[in-house]
């Protein structure tokens, strides 16, 4: 996964999370290698590792 692809996925996830009013930590992973990460304002700090591990 390229950086641009990761950022595109994150942008889509941010749009959806904003629509439903649920701030999230969002990670994009390209084969066990973190490609991009974003933490929305108000997202639970404890879920950073969860987002990365699930990506």
C-alpha atoms as a PDB file:
ATOM      1  CA  UNK A   1       0.000   0.000   0.000  1.00  0.00           C
ATOM      2  CA  UNK A   2       1.328   3.411  -0.896  1.00  0.00           C
ATOM      3  CA  UNK A   3       1.066   6.477   1.298  1.00  0.00           C
ATOM      4  CA  UNK A   4      -1.444   7.996  -1.130  1.00  0.00           C
ATOM      5  CA  UNK A   5      -3.631   4.869  -0.953  1.00  0.00           C
ATOM      6  CA  UNK A   6      -3.454   4.864   2.838  1.00  0.00           C
ATOM      7  CA  UNK A   7      -4.369   8.528   3.030  1.00  0.00           C
ATOM      8  CA  UNK A   8      -7.290   7.969   0.660  1.00  0.00           C
ATOM      9  CA  UNK A   9      -8.616   5.148   2.847  1.00  0.00           C
ATOM     10  CA  UNK A  10      -8.226   7.268   5.958  1.00  0.00           C
ATOM     11  CA  UNK A  11     -10.022  10.214   4.333  1.00  0.00           C
ATOM     12  CA  UNK A  12     -12.981   7.950   3.490  1.00  0.00           C
ATOM     13  CA  UNK A  13     -13.058   6.561   7.032  1.00  0.00           C
ATOM     14  CA  UNK A  14     -12.950  10.076   8.512  1.00  0.00           C
ATOM     15  CA  UNK A  15     -15.889  11.124   6.315  1.00  0.00           C
ATOM     16  CA  UNK A  16     -17.929   8.121   7.494  1.00  0.00           C
ATOM     17  CA  UNK A  17     -16.994   8.577  11.160  1.00  0.00           C
ATOM     18  CA  UNK A  18     -17.960  12.247  10.910  1.00  0.00           C
ATOM     19  CA  UNK A  19     -21.315  11.334   9.330  1.00  0.00           C
ATOM     20  CA  UNK A  20     -22.191   9.045  12.224  1.00  0.00           C
ATOM     21  CA  UNK A  21     -20.704  11.336  14.868  1.00  0.00           C
ATOM     22  CA  UNK A  22     -18.137   8.847  16.165  1.00  0.00           C
ATOM     23  CA  UNK A  23     -14.537  10.135  16.255  1.00  0.00           C
ATOM     24  CA  UNK A  24     -12.053   7.359  15.575  1.00  0.00           C
ATOM     25  CA  UNK A  25      -8.400   6.454  15.443  1.00  0.00           C
ATOM     26  CA  UNK A  26      -7.837   5.121  11.933  1.00  0.00           C
ATOM     27  CA  UNK A  27      -4.915   3.056  10.663  1.00  0.00           C
ATOM     28  CA  UNK A  28      -4.158   1.866   7.133  1.00  0.00           C
ATOM     29  CA  UNK A  29      -1.902  -1.153   6.823  1.00  0.00           C
ATOM     30  CA  UNK A  30      -0.116  -2.474   3.783  1.00  0.00           C
ATOM     31  CA  UNK A  31       0.804  -6.063   4.620  1.00  0.00           C
ATOM     32  CA  UNK A  32       1.753  -5.745   8.311  1.00  0.00           C
ATOM     33  CA  UNK A  33       3.405  -2.374   7.725  1.00  0.00           C
ATOM     34  CA  UNK A  34       1.620   0.742   8.917  1.00  0.00           C
ATOM     35  CA  UNK A  35       1.117   2.980   5.889  1.00  0.00           C
ATOM     36  CA  UNK A  36      -0.899   5.823   7.434  1.00  0.00           C
ATOM     37  CA  UNK A  37      -2.564   6.766  10.718  1.00  0.00           C
ATOM     38  CA  UNK A  38      -4.935   9.491  11.837  1.00  0.00           C
ATOM     39  CA  UNK A  39      -6.505  10.372  15.178  1.00  0.00           C
ATOM     40  CA  UNK A  40      -9.687  12.390  14.989  1.00  0.00           C
ATOM     41  CA  UNK A  41     -10.290  15.050  17.640  1.00  0.00           C
ATOM     42  CA  UNK A  42     -12.154  13.447  20.513  1.00  0.00           C
ATOM     43  CA  UNK A  43     -11.194   9.866  19.642  1.00  0.00           C
ATOM     44  CA  UNK A  44     -10.505   7.627  22.621  1.00  0.00           C
ATOM     45  CA  UNK A  45      -6.746   7.588  23.289  1.00  0.00           C
ATOM     46  CA  UNK A  46      -6.841   3.962  24.391  1.00  0.00           C
ATOM     47  CA  UNK A  47      -7.954   2.838  20.953  1.00  0.00           C
ATOM     48  CA  UNK A  48      -4.798   3.951  19.126  1.00  0.00           C
ATOM     49  CA  UNK A  49      -3.134   0.551  19.568  1.00  0.00           C
ATOM     50  CA  UNK A  50      -6.408  -1.206  18.789  1.00  0.00           C
ATOM     51  CA  UNK A  51      -6.692   0.613  15.454  1.00  0.00           C
ATOM     52  CA  UNK A  52      -3.102  -0.192  14.528  1.00  0.00           C
ATOM     53  CA  UNK A  53      -3.391  -3.851  15.570  1.00  0.00           C
ATOM     54  CA  UNK A  54      -6.634  -4.307  13.630  1.00  0.00           C
ATOM     55  CA  UNK A  55      -5.340  -2.654  10.449  1.00  0.00           C
END
